[in-house]
Amino acid sequence: MSEAQYNELSELTAMLGGVLSYSTTGHNKPCGQTIGSNGCGDYCILFGGSPDEAWRQSQDHIRTLEKEGYKLTAVVFVPNDPDGGYYGNPLQVRV
């Protein structure tokens, strides 16, 4: 990896607040007959800003999905830890 690529990656990492990953069995609303049209699947969203902002944004997203009738089977939020220090498990898991 060149120094320019490393610097670009470092800048992108600095902008990352956290990563939200979730699985859903979809919703029960009327929808098309295409497989997956009910929103079922596995998803991953990258949130920018501080880890606290990313946490709030991810919670808002999950609440919106639940209000829309989505059935979530697994939700994991991993905050970006730019310091890299060990202070316990950074994973916050919600099922």
PDB file of N, CA and C in Angstrom:
ATOM      1  N   MET A   1       0.850  -1.164   0.000  1.00  0.00           N
ATOM      2  CA  MET A   1       0.000   0.000   0.000  1.00  0.00           C
ATOM      3  C   MET A   1       0.901   1.234   0.000  1.00  0.00           C
ATOM      4  N   SER A   2       0.608   2.130  -0.926  1.00  0.00           N
ATOM      5  CA  SER A   2       1.418   3.339  -1.020  1.00  0.00           C
ATOM      6  C   SER A   2       1.053   4.297   0.104  1.00  0.00           C
ATOM      7  N   GLU A   3       1.908   5.281   0.301  1.00  0.00           N
ATOM      8  CA  GLU A   3       1.656   6.267   1.349  1.00  0.00           C
ATOM      9  C   GLU A   3       0.390   7.068   1.048  1.00  0.00           C
ATOM     10  N   ALA A   4       0.139   7.373  -0.224  1.00  0.00           N
ATOM     11  CA  ALA A   4      -1.076   8.118  -0.607  1.00  0.00           C
ATOM     12  C   ALA A   4      -2.329   7.299  -0.291  1.00  0.00           C
ATOM     13  N   GLN A   5      -2.288   5.999  -0.593  1.00  0.00           N
ATOM     14  CA  GLN A   5      -3.430   5.132  -0.289  1.00  0.00           C
ATOM     15  C   GLN A   5      -3.639   5.026   1.219  1.00  0.00           C
ATOM     16  N   TYR A   6      -2.528   4.911   1.963  1.00  0.00           N
ATOM     17  CA  TYR A   6      -2.620   4.837   3.419  1.00  0.00           C
ATOM     18  C   TYR A   6      -3.230   6.110   3.990  1.00  0.00           C
ATOM     19  N   ASN A   7      -2.817   7.270   3.482  1.00  0.00           N
ATOM     20  CA  ASN A   7      -3.361   8.538   3.960  1.00  0.00           C
ATOM     21  C   ASN A   7      -4.850   8.663   3.650  1.00  0.00           C
ATOM     22  N   GLU A   8      -5.236   8.224   2.452  1.00  0.00           N
ATOM     23  CA  GLU A   8      -6.648   8.271   2.071  1.00  0.00           C
ATOM     24  C   GLU A   8      -7.478   7.354   2.970  1.00  0.00           C
ATOM     25  N   LEU A   9      -6.960   6.169   3.231  1.00  0.00           N
ATOM     26  CA  LEU A   9      -7.649   5.235   4.118  1.00  0.00           C
ATOM     27  C   LEU A   9      -7.751   5.801   5.533  1.00  0.00           C
ATOM     28  N   SER A  10      -6.710   6.455   6.009  1.00  0.00           N
ATOM     29  CA  SER A  10      -6.726   7.059   7.339  1.00  0.00           C
ATOM     30  C   SER A  10      -7.769   8.161   7.429  1.00  0.00           C
ATOM     31  N   GLU A  11      -7.901   8.954   6.368  1.00  0.00           N
ATOM     32  CA  GLU A  11      -8.902  10.023   6.362  1.00  0.00           C
ATOM     33  C   GLU A  11     -10.311   9.443   6.390  1.00  0.00           C
ATOM     34  N   LEU A  12     -10.544   8.397   5.611  1.00  0.00           N
ATOM     35  CA  LEU A  12     -11.862   7.756   5.600  1.00  0.00           C
ATOM     36  C   LEU A  12     -12.180   7.131   6.949  1.00  0.00           C
ATOM     37  N   THR A  13     -11.202   6.483   7.563  1.00  0.00           N
ATOM     38  CA  THR A  13     -11.398   5.872   8.871  1.00  0.00           C
ATOM     39  C   THR A  13     -11.709   6.929   9.924  1.00  0.00           C
ATOM     40  N   ALA A  14     -11.064   8.087   9.830  1.00  0.00           N
ATOM     41  CA  ALA A  14     -11.308   9.158  10.792  1.00  0.00           C
ATOM     42  C   ALA A  14     -12.732   9.687  10.685  1.00  0.00           C
ATOM     43  N   MET A  15     -13.346   9.604   9.509  1.00  0.00           N
ATOM     44  CA  MET A  15     -14.720  10.091   9.315  1.00  0.00           C
ATOM     45  C   MET A  15     -15.754   9.061   9.775  1.00  0.00           C
ATOM     46  N   LEU A  16     -15.366   7.811   9.949  1.00  0.00           N
ATOM     47  CA  LEU A  16     -16.295   6.752  10.302  1.00  0.00           C
ATOM     48  C   LEU A  16     -16.638   6.807  11.785  1.00  0.00           C
ATOM     49  N   GLY A  17     -17.928   6.887  12.087  1.00  0.00           N
ATOM     50  CA  GLY A  17     -18.377   6.900  13.477  1.00  0.00           C
ATOM     51  C   GLY A  17     -18.674   5.502  13.989  1.00  0.00           C
ATOM     52  N   GLY A  18     -19.205   4.658  13.121  1.00  0.00           N
ATOM     53  CA  GLY A  18     -19.530   3.297  13.518  1.00  0.00           C
ATOM     54  C   GLY A  18     -20.202   2.550  12.390  1.00  0.00           C
ATOM     55  N   VAL A  19     -20.382   1.261  12.618  1.00  0.00           N
ATOM     56  CA  VAL A  19     -20.982   0.385  11.617  1.00  0.00           C
ATOM     57  C   VAL A  19     -22.174  -0.330  12.241  1.00  0.00           C
ATOM     58  N   LEU A  20     -23.308  -0.266  11.547  1.00  0.00           N
ATOM     59  CA  LEU A  20     -24.516  -0.966  11.969  1.00  0.00           C
ATOM     60  C   LEU A  20     -24.748  -2.132  11.020  1.00  0.00           C
ATOM     61  N   SER A  21     -24.941  -3.304  11.578  1.00  0.00           N
ATOM     62  CA  SER A  21     -25.243  -4.489  10.780  1.00  0.00           C
ATOM     63  C   SER A  21     -26.510  -5.108  11.351  1.00  0.00           C
ATOM     64  N   TYR A  22     -27.423  -5.498  10.461  1.00  0.00           N
ATOM     65  CA  TYR A  22     -28.647  -6.127  10.961  1.00  0.00           C
ATOM     66  C   TYR A  22     -29.210  -7.104   9.934  1.00  0.00           C
ATOM     67  N   SER A  23     -29.982  -8.044  10.437  1.00  0.00           N
ATOM     68  CA  SER A  23     -30.693  -9.009   9.612  1.00  0.00           C
ATOM     69  C   SER A  23     -32.176  -8.841   9.878  1.00  0.00           C
ATOM     70  N   THR A  24     -32.976  -9.005   8.842  1.00  0.00           N
ATOM     71  CA  THR A  24     -34.411  -8.883   8.987  1.00  0.00           C
ATOM     72  C   THR A  24     -35.118  -9.936   8.144  1.00  0.00           C
ATOM     73  N   THR A  25     -36.248 -10.386   8.669  1.00  0.00           N
ATOM     74  CA  THR A  25     -37.086 -11.310   7.910  1.00  0.00           C
ATOM     75  C   THR A  25     -38.107 -10.541   7.089  1.00  0.00           C
ATOM     76  N   GLY A  26     -37.997  -9.228   7.074  1.00  0.00           N
ATOM     77  CA  GLY A  26     -38.867  -8.385   6.266  1.00  0.00           C
ATOM     78  C   GLY A  26     -40.092  -7.911   7.023  1.00  0.00           C
ATOM     79  N   HIS A  27     -41.094  -7.506   6.275  1.00  0.00           N
ATOM     80  CA  HIS A  27     -42.338  -6.998   6.859  1.00  0.00           C
ATOM     81  C   HIS A  27     -43.510  -7.798   6.297  1.00  0.00           C
ATOM     82  N   ASN A  28     -44.685  -7.592   6.859  1.00  0.00           N
ATOM     83  CA  ASN A  28     -45.876  -8.335   6.428  1.00  0.00           C
ATOM     84  C   ASN A  28     -46.822  -7.481   5.595  1.00  0.00           C
ATOM     85  N   LYS A  29     -46.361  -6.354   5.096  1.00  0.00           N
ATOM     86  CA  LYS A  29     -47.195  -5.491   4.266  1.00  0.00           C
ATOM     87  C   LYS A  29     -47.327  -6.087   2.866  1.00  0.00           C
ATOM     88  N   PRO A  30     -48.382  -5.722   2.151  1.00  0.00           N
ATOM     89  CA  PRO A  30     -48.490  -6.181   0.766  1.00  0.00           C
ATOM     90  C   PRO A  30     -47.292  -5.681  -0.058  1.00  0.00           C
ATOM     91  N   CYS A  31     -46.755  -6.556  -0.891  1.00  0.00           N
ATOM     92  CA  CYS A  31     -45.619  -6.177  -1.735  1.00  0.00           C
ATOM     93  C   CYS A  31     -45.621  -7.055  -2.977  1.00  0.00           C
ATOM     94  N   GLY A  32     -44.721  -6.805  -3.844  1.00  0.00           N
ATOM     95  CA  GLY A  32     -44.642  -7.567  -5.094  1.00  0.00           C
ATOM     96  C   GLY A  32     -44.299  -9.022  -4.866  1.00  0.00           C
ATOM     97  N   GLN A  33     -44.265  -9.779  -5.927  1.00  0.00           N
ATOM     98  CA  GLN A  33     -43.991 -11.203  -5.830  1.00  0.00           C
ATOM     99  C   GLN A  33     -42.516 -11.530  -6.050  1.00  0.00           C
ATOM    100  N   THR A  34     -41.692 -10.517  -6.140  1.00  0.00           N
ATOM    101  CA  THR A  34     -40.262 -10.728  -6.319  1.00  0.00           C
ATOM    102  C   THR A  34     -39.650 -11.169  -4.990  1.00  0.00           C
ATOM    103  N   ILE A  35     -38.767 -12.143  -5.034  1.00  0.00           N
ATOM    104  CA  ILE A  35     -38.097 -12.602  -3.818  1.00  0.00           C
ATOM    105  C   ILE A  35     -37.335 -11.435  -3.206  1.00  0.00           C
ATOM    106  N   GLY A  36     -37.544 -11.203  -1.927  1.00  0.00           N
ATOM    107  CA  GLY A  36     -36.860 -10.127  -1.223  1.00  0.00           C
ATOM    108  C   GLY A  36     -37.575  -8.790  -1.292  1.00  0.00           C
ATOM    109  N   SER A  37     -38.711  -8.719  -1.967  1.00  0.00           N
ATOM    110  CA  SER A  37     -39.398  -7.427  -2.078  1.00  0.00           C
ATOM    111  C   SER A  37     -40.001  -6.991  -0.751  1.00  0.00           C
ATOM    112  N   ASN A  38     -40.052  -7.899   0.229  1.00  0.00           N
ATOM    113  CA  ASN A  38     -40.542  -7.518   1.547  1.00  0.00           C
ATOM    114  C   ASN A  38     -39.415  -6.974   2.429  1.00  0.00           C
ATOM    115  N   GLY A  39     -38.232  -6.774   1.860  1.00  0.00           N
ATOM    116  CA  GLY A  39     -37.112  -6.182   2.586  1.00  0.00           C
ATOM    117  C   GLY A  39     -36.274  -7.155   3.369  1.00  0.00           C
ATOM    118  N   CYS A  40     -36.522  -8.453   3.239  1.00  0.00           N
ATOM    119  CA  CYS A  40     -35.735  -9.414   4.007  1.00  0.00           C
ATOM    120  C   CYS A  40     -34.285  -9.428   3.516  1.00  0.00           C
ATOM    121  N   GLY A  41     -33.384  -9.735   4.427  1.00  0.00           N
ATOM    122  CA  GLY A  41     -31.979  -9.824   4.056  1.00  0.00           C
ATOM    123  C   GLY A  41     -31.057  -9.366   5.164  1.00  0.00           C
ATOM    124  N   ASP A  42     -29.791  -9.263   4.831  1.00  0.00           N
ATOM    125  CA  ASP A  42     -28.747  -8.811   5.746  1.00  0.00           C
ATOM    126  C   ASP A  42     -28.225  -7.478   5.235  1.00  0.00           C
ATOM    127  N   TYR A  43     -28.069  -6.521   6.137  1.00  0.00           N
ATOM    128  CA  TYR A  43     -27.690  -5.167   5.745  1.00  0.00           C
ATOM    129  C   TYR A  43     -26.543  -4.657   6.616  1.00  0.00           C
ATOM    130  N   CYS A  44     -25.783  -3.722   6.063  1.00  0.00           N
ATOM    131  CA  CYS A  44     -24.692  -3.076   6.783  1.00  0.00           C
ATOM    132  C   CYS A  44     -24.670  -1.608   6.371  1.00  0.00           C
ATOM    133  N   ILE A  45     -24.644  -0.718   7.361  1.00  0.00           N
ATOM    134  CA  ILE A  45     -24.641   0.716   7.093  1.00  0.00           C
ATOM    135  C   ILE A  45     -23.458   1.351   7.821  1.00  0.00           C
ATOM    136  N   LEU A  46     -22.710   2.181   7.112  1.00  0.00           N
ATOM    137  CA  LEU A  46     -21.609   2.938   7.710  1.00  0.00           C
ATOM    138  C   LEU A  46     -22.128   4.323   8.072  1.00  0.00           C
ATOM    139  N   PHE A  47     -21.907   4.743   9.314  1.00  0.00           N
ATOM    140  CA  PHE A  47     -22.334   6.058   9.770  1.00  0.00           C
ATOM    141  C   PHE A  47     -21.107   6.930  10.027  1.00  0.00           C
ATOM    142  N   GLY A  48     -21.169   8.166   9.554  1.00  0.00           N
ATOM    143  CA  GLY A  48     -20.087   9.115   9.778  1.00  0.00           C
ATOM    144  C   GLY A  48     -20.285   9.878  11.071  1.00  0.00           C
ATOM    145  N   GLY A  49     -19.328  10.718  11.405  1.00  0.00           N
ATOM    146  CA  GLY A  49     -19.401  11.525  12.620  1.00  0.00           C
ATOM    147  C   GLY A  49     -18.694  10.854  13.770  1.00  0.00           C
ATOM    148  N   SER A  50     -19.008  11.307  14.967  1.00  0.00           N
ATOM    149  CA  SER A  50     -18.400  10.712  16.163  1.00  0.00           C
ATOM    150  C   SER A  50     -19.088   9.378  16.459  1.00  0.00           C
ATOM    151  N   PRO A  51     -18.454   8.532  17.257  1.00  0.00           N
ATOM    152  CA  PRO A  51     -19.106   7.273  17.626  1.00  0.00           C
ATOM    153  C   PRO A  51     -20.464   7.488  18.309  1.00  0.00           C
ATOM    154  N   ASP A  52     -20.592   8.531  19.123  1.00  0.00           N
ATOM    155  CA  ASP A  52     -21.868   8.823  19.787  1.00  0.00           C
ATOM    156  C   ASP A  52     -22.939   9.226  18.781  1.00  0.00           C
ATOM    157  N   GLU A  53     -22.571  10.057  17.810  1.00  0.00           N
ATOM    158  CA  GLU A  53     -23.520  10.452  16.765  1.00  0.00           C
ATOM    159  C   GLU A  53     -23.941   9.242  15.939  1.00  0.00           C
ATOM    160  N   ALA A  54     -22.988   8.402  15.616  1.00  0.00           N
ATOM    161  CA  ALA A  54     -23.279   7.201  14.828  1.00  0.00           C
ATOM    162  C   ALA A  54     -24.217   6.275  15.603  1.00  0.00           C
ATOM    163  N   TRP A  55     -24.004   6.153  16.919  1.00  0.00           N
ATOM    164  CA  TRP A  55     -24.875   5.333  17.758  1.00  0.00           C
ATOM    165  C   TRP A  55     -26.312   5.860  17.706  1.00  0.00           C
ATOM    166  N   ARG A  56     -26.474   7.175  17.852  1.00  0.00           N
ATOM    167  CA  ARG A  56     -27.815   7.765  17.814  1.00  0.00           C
ATOM    168  C   ARG A  56     -28.464   7.562  16.443  1.00  0.00           C
ATOM    169  N   GLN A  57     -27.704   7.771  15.387  1.00  0.00           N
ATOM    170  CA  GLN A  57     -28.241   7.579  14.035  1.00  0.00           C
ATOM    171  C   GLN A  57     -28.651   6.126  13.807  1.00  0.00           C
ATOM    172  N   SER A  58     -27.847   5.201  14.294  1.00  0.00           N
ATOM    173  CA  SER A  58     -28.171   3.784  14.110  1.00  0.00           C
ATOM    174  C   SER A  58     -29.426   3.413  14.894  1.00  0.00           C
ATOM    175  N   GLN A  59     -29.575   3.952  16.101  1.00  0.00           N
ATOM    176  CA  GLN A  59     -30.776   3.676  16.889  1.00  0.00           C
ATOM    177  C   GLN A  59     -32.021   4.249  16.221  1.00  0.00           C
ATOM    178  N   ASP A  60     -31.899   5.450  15.664  1.00  0.00           N
ATOM    179  CA  ASP A  60     -33.015   6.051  14.932  1.00  0.00           C
ATOM    180  C   ASP A  60     -33.413   5.183  13.737  1.00  0.00           C
ATOM    181  N   HIS A  61     -32.414   4.675  13.030  1.00  0.00           N
ATOM    182  CA  HIS A  61     -32.676   3.834  11.861  1.00  0.00           C
ATOM    183  C   HIS A  61     -33.412   2.556  12.266  1.00  0.00           C
ATOM    184  N   ILE A  62     -32.953   1.918  13.335  1.00  0.00           N
ATOM    185  CA  ILE A  62     -33.571   0.680  13.803  1.00  0.00           C
ATOM    186  C   ILE A  62     -35.001   0.942  14.273  1.00  0.00           C
ATOM    187  N   ARG A  63     -35.220   2.024  15.005  1.00  0.00           N
ATOM    188  CA  ARG A  63     -36.573   2.357  15.465  1.00  0.00           C
ATOM    189  C   ARG A  63     -37.511   2.603  14.280  1.00  0.00           C
ATOM    190  N   THR A  64     -37.014   3.276  13.262  1.00  0.00           N
ATOM    191  CA  THR A  64     -37.822   3.524  12.062  1.00  0.00           C
ATOM    192  C   THR A  64     -38.211   2.206  11.393  1.00  0.00           C
ATOM    193  N   LEU A  65     -37.263   1.303  11.271  1.00  0.00           N
ATOM    194  CA  LEU A  65     -37.564  -0.003  10.677  1.00  0.00           C
ATOM    195  C   LEU A  65     -38.628  -0.739  11.485  1.00  0.00           C
ATOM    196  N   GLU A  66     -38.492  -0.709  12.811  1.00  0.00           N
ATOM    197  CA  GLU A  66     -39.462  -1.397  13.657  1.00  0.00           C
ATOM    198  C   GLU A  66     -40.855  -0.778  13.520  1.00  0.00           C
ATOM    199  N   LYS A  67     -40.915   0.552  13.440  1.00  0.00           N
ATOM    200  CA  LYS A  67     -42.202   1.230  13.263  1.00  0.00           C
ATOM    201  C   LYS A  67     -42.843   0.872  11.926  1.00  0.00           C
ATOM    202  N   GLU A  68     -42.012   0.608  10.918  1.00  0.00           N
ATOM    203  CA  GLU A  68     -42.513   0.247   9.597  1.00  0.00           C
ATOM    204  C   GLU A  68     -42.888  -1.233   9.500  1.00  0.00           C
ATOM    205  N   GLY A  69     -42.736  -1.979  10.601  1.00  0.00           N
ATOM    206  CA  GLY A  69     -43.162  -3.374  10.631  1.00  0.00           C
ATOM    207  C   GLY A  69     -42.104  -4.402  10.313  1.00  0.00           C
ATOM    208  N   TYR A  70     -40.845  -4.003  10.205  1.00  0.00           N
ATOM    209  CA  TYR A  70     -39.790  -4.968   9.927  1.00  0.00           C
ATOM    210  C   TYR A  70     -39.509  -5.806  11.166  1.00  0.00           C
ATOM    211  N   LYS A  71     -39.295  -7.093  10.956  1.00  0.00           N
ATOM    212  CA  LYS A  71     -38.953  -8.022  12.032  1.00  0.00           C
ATOM    213  C   LYS A  71     -37.440  -8.227  12.000  1.00  0.00           C
ATOM    214  N   LEU A  72     -36.758  -7.690  13.006  1.00  0.00           N
ATOM    215  CA  LEU A  72     -35.299  -7.776  13.063  1.00  0.00           C
ATOM    216  C   LEU A  72     -34.892  -9.008  13.850  1.00  0.00           C
ATOM    217  N   THR A  73     -33.937  -9.753  13.314  1.00  0.00           N
ATOM    218  CA  THR A  73     -33.479 -10.962  13.986  1.00  0.00           C
ATOM    219  C   THR A  73     -32.123 -10.779  14.663  1.00  0.00           C
ATOM    220  N   ALA A  74     -31.345  -9.837  14.216  1.00  0.00           N
ATOM    221  CA  ALA A  74     -30.043  -9.561  14.835  1.00  0.00           C
ATOM    222  C   ALA A  74     -29.619  -8.145  14.471  1.00  0.00           C
ATOM    223  N   VAL A  75     -29.140  -7.416  15.472  1.00  0.00           N
ATOM    224  CA  VAL A  75     -28.657  -6.050  15.263  1.00  0.00           C
ATOM    225  C   VAL A  75     -27.344  -5.893  16.009  1.00  0.00           C
ATOM    226  N   VAL A  76     -26.300  -5.436  15.318  1.00  0.00           N
ATOM    227  CA  VAL A  76     -24.996  -5.225  15.944  1.00  0.00           C
ATOM    228  C   VAL A  76     -24.482  -3.849  15.537  1.00  0.00           C
ATOM    229  N   PHE A  77     -24.053  -3.044  16.516  1.00  0.00           N
ATOM    230  CA  PHE A  77     -23.419  -1.760  16.248  1.00  0.00           C
ATOM    231  C   PHE A  77     -21.995  -1.816  16.773  1.00  0.00           C
ATOM    232  N   VAL A  78     -21.042  -1.450  15.929  1.00  0.00           N
ATOM    233  CA  VAL A  78     -19.633  -1.418  16.323  1.00  0.00           C
ATOM    234  C   VAL A  78     -19.134   0.012  16.163  1.00  0.00           C
ATOM    235  N   PRO A  79     -18.807   0.695  17.279  1.00  0.00           N
ATOM    236  CA  PRO A  79     -18.302   2.060  17.174  1.00  0.00           C
ATOM    237  C   PRO A  79     -16.864   2.072  16.676  1.00  0.00           C
ATOM    238  N   ASN A  80     -16.492   3.160  16.016  1.00  0.00           N
ATOM    239  CA  ASN A  80     -15.111   3.339  15.583  1.00  0.00           C
ATOM    240  C   ASN A  80     -14.293   3.778  16.788  1.00  0.00           C
ATOM    241  N   ASP A  81     -13.216   3.071  17.058  1.00  0.00           N
ATOM    242  CA  ASP A  81     -12.343   3.403  18.179  1.00  0.00           C
ATOM    243  C   ASP A  81     -11.006   3.891  17.636  1.00  0.00           C
ATOM    244  N   PRO A  82     -10.900   5.207  17.361  1.00  0.00           N
ATOM    245  CA  PRO A  82      -9.668   5.710  16.746  1.00  0.00           C
ATOM    246  C   PRO A  82      -8.438   5.579  17.640  1.00  0.00           C
ATOM    247  N   ASP A  83      -8.638   5.499  18.949  1.00  0.00           N
ATOM    248  CA  ASP A  83      -7.489   5.382  19.854  1.00  0.00           C
ATOM    249  C   ASP A  83      -6.933   3.964  19.879  1.00  0.00           C
ATOM    250  N   GLY A  84      -7.797   3.003  19.644  1.00  0.00           N
ATOM    251  CA  GLY A  84      -7.341   1.629  19.609  1.00  0.00           C
ATOM    252  C   GLY A  84      -6.990   1.057  20.963  1.00  0.00           C
ATOM    253  N   GLY A  85      -7.318   1.754  22.041  1.00  0.00           N
ATOM    254  CA  GLY A  85      -7.008   1.259  23.371  1.00  0.00           C
ATOM    255  C   GLY A  85      -7.983   0.190  23.810  1.00  0.00           C
ATOM    256  N   TYR A  86      -7.547  -0.670  24.684  1.00  0.00           N
ATOM    257  CA  TYR A  86      -8.421  -1.727  25.179  1.00  0.00           C
ATOM    258  C   TYR A  86      -9.176  -1.227  26.412  1.00  0.00           C
ATOM    259  N   TYR A  87     -10.456  -1.265  26.335  1.00  0.00           N
ATOM    260  CA  TYR A  87     -11.289  -0.854  27.471  1.00  0.00           C
ATOM    261  C   TYR A  87     -12.497  -1.759  27.604  1.00  0.00           C
ATOM    262  N   GLY A  88     -12.424  -2.904  27.008  1.00  0.00           N
ATOM    263  CA  GLY A  88     -13.539  -3.840  27.052  1.00  0.00           C
ATOM    264  C   GLY A  88     -14.044  -4.100  25.652  1.00  0.00           C
ATOM    265  N   ASN A  89     -15.119  -4.832  25.563  1.00  0.00           N
ATOM    266  CA  ASN A  89     -15.683  -5.209  24.275  1.00  0.00           C
ATOM    267  C   ASN A  89     -16.455  -4.033  23.685  1.00  0.00           C
ATOM    268  N   PRO A  90     -16.051  -3.503  22.519  1.00  0.00           N
ATOM    269  CA  PRO A  90     -16.745  -2.358  21.937  1.00  0.00           C
ATOM    270  C   PRO A  90     -18.056  -2.729  21.245  1.00  0.00           C
ATOM    271  N   LEU A  91     -18.350  -4.032  21.110  1.00  0.00           N
ATOM    272  CA  LEU A  91     -19.574  -4.451  20.443  1.00  0.00           C
ATOM    273  C   LEU A  91     -20.786  -4.211  21.333  1.00  0.00           C
ATOM    274  N   GLN A  92     -21.827  -3.661  20.735  1.00  0.00           N
ATOM    275  CA  GLN A  92     -23.096  -3.496  21.421  1.00  0.00           C
ATOM    276  C   GLN A  92     -24.097  -4.292  20.621  1.00  0.00           C
ATOM    277  N   VAL A  93     -24.619  -5.352  21.198  1.00  0.00           N
ATOM    278  CA  VAL A  93     -25.467  -6.285  20.486  1.00  0.00           C
ATOM    279  C   VAL A  93     -26.898  -6.188  20.989  1.00  0.00           C
ATOM    280  N   ARG A  94     -27.828  -6.168  20.039  1.00  0.00           N
ATOM    281  CA  ARG A  94     -29.250  -6.109  20.366  1.00  0.00           C
ATOM    282  C   ARG A  94     -29.956  -7.160  19.530  1.00  0.00           C
ATOM    283  N   VAL A  95     -30.732  -8.005  20.167  1.00  0.00           N
ATOM    284  CA  VAL A  95     -31.461  -9.042  19.437  1.00  0.00           C
ATOM    285  C   VAL A  95     -32.939  -8.856  19.660  1.00  0.00           C
TER     286      VAL A  95
END
